[in-house]
Amino acid sequence: MSGTATMTATLDAMKLVAVRAQRTGATLQITLNRPESRNAMSLQMVDELRQVLTAAEATAGHADAVRVIVLRGEGGHFCSGADLKDMAAARMLAMQKKEGDDTDPIAGVNAAFGELCVAYAETPLALVAVLEGTVMGGGFGLACVADVAIASDTATFRLPETSLGVVPAQIAPFLVERLGYSQAKRLAVTGGRLDAAAALHLGLVHEVTGTPMLQAALSRVLADILACAPGALAATKVLMQRARFAPAKALVHDAAAIFSRSALGPEGLEGMTAFIQKRKPDWALQ
């Protein structure tokens, strides 16, 4: 069975509600689908996002594998952060705990979202976020996780946690990674608000465009990504994650070995041959 057929069957079996997943060629678009709450991140949404990512990654090795994931929101908004109903339910459970019960329902809800962020941050697939309207709290964190973030000029970004008496716990590492320590700390301690232009200035997003041009901007980005070899892209993401924490000197020999494997592998041979023959490599023709 092909990767496309396998994934279609898997998605059908999931009976998704809080998200929608639509595949077009090598691209899988995942749409947060709770427009009545500006796509607040419920536990069901977290679970479905994890399931869909796992299914996409499982197509690796197939000729028709998923190579890019696009995250966006339904109804003109990306994500308004955590679903307060889930948090209220967890708080009620915490208050009802019996003596000797060391479980922490609130920490469990928070950790589930953190694990989601880590899974999307570490995926070998390219990850593109399309950001419109409200991008708040956890939605802000997901924007930071994306490899490429494209924003509509309607997008407004906010970190409201500290103004609500809580901590942006799970997204803090991704804020620091994306924005740097100084800007991340400034936004966190002020309950930061940014419009799309300010987000572009800080490097939170990579492009801002009017809503009518959003799809055209996404199409350009997808074309650029799909022109890159999927294996080389995945290996580059892993190496860059390591480079965040290791000095360049410590990576020289490992990086050389990684380069050698790629150059001698099928993608390297196809890429060099295509360049010499002045044609597109086979992965760019999919």
Protein backbone atom coordinates (compact mmCIF):
# COMPACT_ATOMS: atom_id res chain seq x y z
CA MET A 1 0.00 0.00 0.00
CA SER A 2 1.30 3.46 -0.87
CA GLY A 3 2.11 6.09 1.75
CA THR A 4 -0.86 8.17 0.60
CA ALA A 5 -3.33 5.29 0.83
CA THR A 6 -2.00 4.19 4.20
CA MET A 7 -2.22 7.69 5.62
CA THR A 8 -5.70 8.28 4.22
CA ALA A 9 -6.92 5.11 5.88
CA THR A 10 -5.23 6.11 9.15
CA LEU A 11 -6.78 9.59 9.14
CA ASP A 12 -10.22 8.16 8.38
CA ALA A 13 -9.89 5.79 11.32
CA MET A 14 -8.99 8.66 13.66
CA LYS A 15 -12.38 10.38 13.15
CA LEU A 16 -10.82 13.79 13.76
CA VAL A 17 -12.99 16.49 15.33
CA ALA A 18 -10.77 19.19 16.84
CA VAL A 19 -8.53 19.34 13.76
CA ARG A 20 -8.88 18.68 10.04
CA ALA A 21 -6.15 17.08 7.96
CA GLN A 22 -5.98 17.38 4.19
CA ARG A 23 -3.20 16.02 2.04
CA THR A 24 -2.18 17.55 -1.29
CA GLY A 25 0.78 15.79 -2.85
CA ALA A 26 3.69 15.80 -0.40
CA THR A 27 2.04 18.46 1.80
CA LEU A 28 -0.28 17.76 4.72
CA GLN A 29 -2.33 20.72 5.93
CA ILE A 30 -3.54 20.45 9.52
CA THR A 31 -6.24 22.96 10.44
CA LEU A 32 -7.12 23.70 14.05
CA ASN A 33 -10.89 23.33 13.91
CA ARG A 34 -12.55 24.96 16.93
CA PRO A 35 -13.49 28.34 15.43
CA GLU A 36 -16.14 28.96 18.08
CA SER A 37 -13.32 29.35 20.64
CA ARG A 38 -10.77 30.91 18.26
CA ASN A 39 -9.20 27.44 18.11
CA ALA A 40 -8.42 27.17 21.81
CA MET A 41 -6.11 24.23 22.46
CA SER A 42 -8.18 21.50 24.12
CA LEU A 43 -6.77 18.17 25.28
CA GLN A 44 -8.64 16.54 22.41
CA MET A 45 -6.91 18.90 19.97
CA VAL A 46 -3.52 18.13 21.52
CA ASP A 47 -4.17 14.40 21.16
CA GLU A 48 -5.36 14.69 17.57
CA LEU A 49 -2.39 16.86 16.59
CA ARG A 50 -0.04 14.22 18.01
CA GLN A 51 -1.87 11.44 16.16
CA VAL A 52 -1.78 13.24 12.81
CA LEU A 53 1.92 14.05 13.15
CA THR A 54 2.70 10.41 13.93
CA ALA A 55 0.75 9.30 10.87
CA ALA A 56 2.58 11.80 8.66
CA GLU A 57 5.99 10.75 9.93
CA ALA A 58 5.07 7.08 9.39
CA THR A 59 4.97 7.66 5.61
CA ALA A 60 8.76 8.11 5.58
CA GLY A 61 10.45 5.73 3.17
CA HIS A 62 7.53 5.71 0.73
CA ALA A 63 7.98 7.33 -2.64
CA ASP A 64 4.92 9.46 -1.89
CA ALA A 65 5.85 10.35 1.70
CA VAL A 66 4.60 13.49 3.42
CA ARG A 67 7.39 16.07 3.34
CA VAL A 68 5.78 19.26 4.64
CA ILE A 69 3.22 19.98 7.34
CA VAL A 70 1.23 23.23 7.26
CA LEU A 71 -0.40 24.34 10.51
CA ARG A 72 -3.19 26.91 10.38
CA GLY A 73 -6.46 27.79 12.08
CA GLU A 74 -10.10 27.78 10.98
CA GLY A 75 -12.24 30.92 11.02
CA GLY A 76 -9.62 33.64 10.65
CA HIS A 77 -7.72 32.85 13.87
CA PHE A 78 -4.73 30.62 14.55
CA CYS A 79 -5.02 29.70 18.23
CA SER A 80 -6.16 31.51 21.37
CA GLY A 81 -4.09 29.38 23.74
CA ALA A 82 -5.15 26.74 26.24
CA ASP A 83 -8.79 25.75 26.63
CA LEU A 84 -9.81 27.12 30.02
CA LYS A 85 -12.46 24.40 30.38
CA ASP A 86 -9.74 21.73 30.47
CA MET A 87 -7.79 23.74 33.00
CA ALA A 88 -10.88 24.21 35.18
CA ALA A 89 -11.57 20.48 35.11
CA ALA A 90 -7.97 19.74 36.07
CA ARG A 91 -8.17 22.27 38.91
CA MET A 92 -11.33 20.58 40.20
CA LEU A 93 -9.60 17.20 40.16
CA ALA A 94 -6.64 18.68 42.01
CA MET A 95 -8.92 20.05 44.71
CA GLN A 96 -10.63 16.68 45.10
CA LYS A 97 -7.44 14.66 45.53
CA LYS A 98 -7.38 12.29 48.45
CA GLU A 99 -4.57 12.22 50.98
CA GLY A 100 -1.61 10.27 49.67
CA ASP A 101 -2.52 10.87 46.02
CA ASP A 102 0.59 12.44 44.49
CA THR A 103 -0.85 12.96 41.00
CA ASP A 104 -1.03 16.51 39.68
CA PRO A 105 -3.85 16.92 37.13
CA ILE A 106 -2.89 20.51 36.28
CA ALA A 107 0.74 19.55 35.62
CA GLY A 108 -0.53 16.67 33.48
CA VAL A 109 -2.55 18.98 31.24
CA ASN A 110 0.37 21.38 30.94
CA ALA A 111 2.88 18.61 30.18
CA ALA A 112 0.63 17.19 27.44
CA PHE A 113 0.86 20.50 25.58
CA GLY A 114 4.62 20.67 26.17
CA GLU A 115 5.08 17.21 24.69
CA LEU A 116 3.07 18.33 21.67
CA CYS A 117 5.38 21.31 21.15
CA VAL A 118 8.46 19.11 21.45
CA ALA A 119 7.05 16.59 18.95
CA TYR A 120 6.43 19.30 16.36
CA ALA A 121 9.74 21.02 17.09
CA GLU A 122 11.65 17.78 16.55
CA THR A 123 9.78 16.43 13.53
CA PRO A 124 12.06 15.66 10.56
CA LEU A 125 9.36 17.08 8.29
CA ALA A 126 9.36 20.73 7.30
CA LEU A 127 6.84 22.67 9.39
CA VAL A 128 5.13 25.84 8.15
CA ALA A 129 2.72 27.89 10.28
CA VAL A 130 0.15 30.19 8.66
CA LEU A 131 -0.86 32.75 11.27
CA GLU A 132 -4.03 34.85 11.22
CA GLY A 133 -6.01 36.73 13.85
CA THR A 134 -5.41 35.62 17.42
CA VAL A 135 -2.04 33.98 18.13
CA MET A 136 -1.98 33.74 21.90
CA GLY A 137 -0.28 31.71 24.62
CA GLY A 138 0.17 28.19 23.37
CA GLY A 139 -0.59 29.37 19.84
CA PHE A 140 2.32 31.79 20.21
CA GLY A 141 4.47 28.82 21.25
CA LEU A 142 3.48 26.78 18.21
CA ALA A 143 4.36 29.75 15.99
CA CYS A 144 7.84 29.72 17.54
CA VAL A 145 8.21 25.99 16.84
CA ALA A 146 7.56 26.34 13.09
CA ASP A 147 10.47 26.25 10.64
CA VAL A 148 8.75 28.94 8.58
CA ALA A 149 6.04 31.28 9.88
CA ILE A 150 3.90 33.31 7.48
CA ALA A 151 1.54 35.88 9.02
CA SER A 152 -1.45 37.74 7.73
CA ASP A 153 -1.49 41.43 8.59
CA THR A 154 -4.51 40.57 10.76
CA ALA A 155 -2.36 38.52 13.15
CA THR A 156 -2.00 39.73 16.74
CA PHE A 157 0.37 38.01 19.12
CA ARG A 158 0.10 37.95 22.89
CA LEU A 159 1.62 36.23 25.91
CA PRO A 160 -1.09 36.75 28.55
CA GLU A 161 0.07 34.16 31.09
CA THR A 162 1.76 36.40 33.63
CA SER A 163 -1.15 38.87 33.51
CA LEU A 164 -3.41 35.93 34.43
CA GLY A 165 -1.23 34.86 37.35
CA VAL A 166 0.33 31.84 35.65
CA VAL A 167 3.57 31.03 33.84
CA PRO A 168 4.24 30.44 30.10
CA ALA A 169 5.87 27.22 31.25
CA GLN A 170 5.97 24.91 28.24
CA ILE A 171 6.52 27.55 25.58
CA ALA A 172 9.34 29.35 27.41
CA PRO A 173 12.17 27.33 25.77
CA PHE A 174 10.75 27.97 22.32
CA LEU A 175 10.31 31.69 22.99
CA VAL A 176 13.95 31.98 24.00
CA GLU A 177 15.07 29.95 20.99
CA ARG A 178 13.08 32.02 18.51
CA LEU A 179 13.38 35.51 19.98
CA GLY A 180 16.51 35.41 22.14
CA TYR A 181 16.63 35.73 25.91
CA SER A 182 16.18 39.50 26.12
CA GLN A 183 13.09 39.80 23.92
CA ALA A 184 11.49 36.63 25.28
CA LYS A 185 11.89 37.87 28.84
CA ARG A 186 10.55 41.33 27.93
CA LEU A 187 7.41 39.90 26.37
CA ALA A 188 6.83 37.44 29.20
CA VAL A 189 7.06 40.00 32.00
CA THR A 190 4.88 42.55 30.20
CA GLY A 191 2.15 40.17 29.01
CA GLY A 192 3.53 41.06 25.60
CA ARG A 193 1.43 42.21 22.67
CA LEU A 194 2.71 42.35 19.11
CA ASP A 195 1.12 43.15 15.81
CA ALA A 196 2.28 41.38 12.65
CA ALA A 197 4.80 44.08 11.75
CA ALA A 198 6.42 43.91 15.19
CA ALA A 199 6.50 40.11 15.01
CA LEU A 200 8.32 40.36 11.68
CA HIS A 201 10.80 42.85 13.13
CA LEU A 202 11.62 40.50 16.01
CA GLY A 203 12.00 37.46 13.75
CA LEU A 204 9.01 35.66 15.22
CA VAL A 205 7.55 35.43 11.71
CA HIS A 206 9.37 35.42 8.40
CA GLU A 207 6.83 37.08 6.13
CA VAL A 208 3.76 39.27 6.53
CA THR A 209 1.19 39.69 3.80
CA GLY A 210 -2.41 40.74 3.33
CA THR A 211 -4.95 37.97 3.81
CA PRO A 212 -5.85 37.79 0.08
CA MET A 213 -2.18 37.05 -0.69
CA LEU A 214 -1.66 34.53 2.10
CA GLN A 215 -2.20 31.45 -0.04
CA ALA A 216 0.17 32.73 -2.72
CA ALA A 217 2.85 33.33 -0.09
CA LEU A 218 2.34 29.82 1.27
CA SER A 219 2.57 28.34 -2.22
CA ARG A 220 5.94 30.04 -2.78
CA VAL A 221 7.31 28.70 0.50
CA LEU A 222 6.07 25.18 -0.24
CA ALA A 223 7.66 25.26 -3.69
CA ASP A 224 10.99 26.25 -2.13
CA ILE A 225 10.79 23.50 0.50
CA LEU A 226 9.81 20.82 -2.00
CA ALA A 227 12.83 21.77 -4.13
CA CYS A 228 15.01 20.52 -1.24
CA ALA A 229 15.86 16.86 -0.71
CA PRO A 230 13.74 15.47 2.15
CA GLY A 231 16.52 13.43 3.73
CA ALA A 232 18.99 16.32 3.59
CA LEU A 233 16.35 18.64 5.05
CA ALA A 234 15.69 16.28 7.97
CA ALA A 235 19.42 15.81 8.68
CA THR A 236 19.94 19.58 8.54
CA LYS A 237 17.21 20.17 11.11
CA VAL A 238 18.82 17.67 13.49
CA LEU A 239 22.27 19.21 13.05
CA MET A 240 20.94 22.73 13.64
CA GLN A 241 19.24 21.60 16.85
CA ARG A 242 22.60 20.32 18.08
CA ALA A 243 24.37 23.51 16.96
CA ARG A 244 22.18 25.60 19.30
CA PHE A 245 23.95 24.09 22.31
CA ALA A 246 27.37 23.02 21.03
CA PRO A 247 30.35 25.14 19.95
CA ALA A 248 31.25 24.88 16.27
CA LYS A 249 34.59 23.26 17.11
CA ALA A 250 32.83 20.34 18.78
CA LEU A 251 30.75 19.63 15.68
CA VAL A 252 33.44 19.71 12.98
CA HIS A 253 34.01 15.95 12.68
CA ASP A 254 30.40 14.93 13.18
CA ALA A 255 29.27 17.51 10.64
CA ALA A 256 31.88 16.22 8.16
CA ALA A 257 30.61 12.66 8.59
CA ILE A 258 27.02 13.81 8.11
CA PHE A 259 28.02 15.68 4.96
CA SER A 260 29.89 12.64 3.61
CA ARG A 261 26.90 10.35 4.15
CA SER A 262 24.63 12.78 2.35
CA ALA A 263 27.06 13.30 -0.54
CA LEU A 264 27.50 9.56 -1.06
CA GLY A 265 23.83 8.75 -0.53
CA PRO A 266 21.14 8.58 -3.20
CA GLU A 267 20.02 12.17 -2.67
CA GLY A 268 23.53 13.54 -3.01
CA LEU A 269 24.20 11.53 -6.15
CA GLU A 270 20.87 12.55 -7.68
CA GLY A 271 21.36 16.20 -6.75
CA MET A 272 24.84 16.41 -8.25
CA THR A 273 23.79 14.53 -11.37
CA ALA A 274 20.76 16.77 -11.86
CA PHE A 275 22.93 19.87 -11.45
CA ILE A 276 25.41 18.65 -14.07
CA GLN A 277 22.62 17.67 -16.44
CA LYS A 278 20.85 21.00 -15.84
CA ARG A 279 17.58 19.41 -14.78
CA LYS A 280 15.51 19.27 -11.62
CA PRO A 281 16.28 16.44 -9.19
CA ASP A 282 13.66 13.74 -8.89
CA TRP A 283 12.37 14.94 -5.50
CA ALA A 284 11.51 18.35 -7.01
CA LEU A 285 9.26 16.73 -9.60
CA GLN A 286 6.82 15.24 -7.08
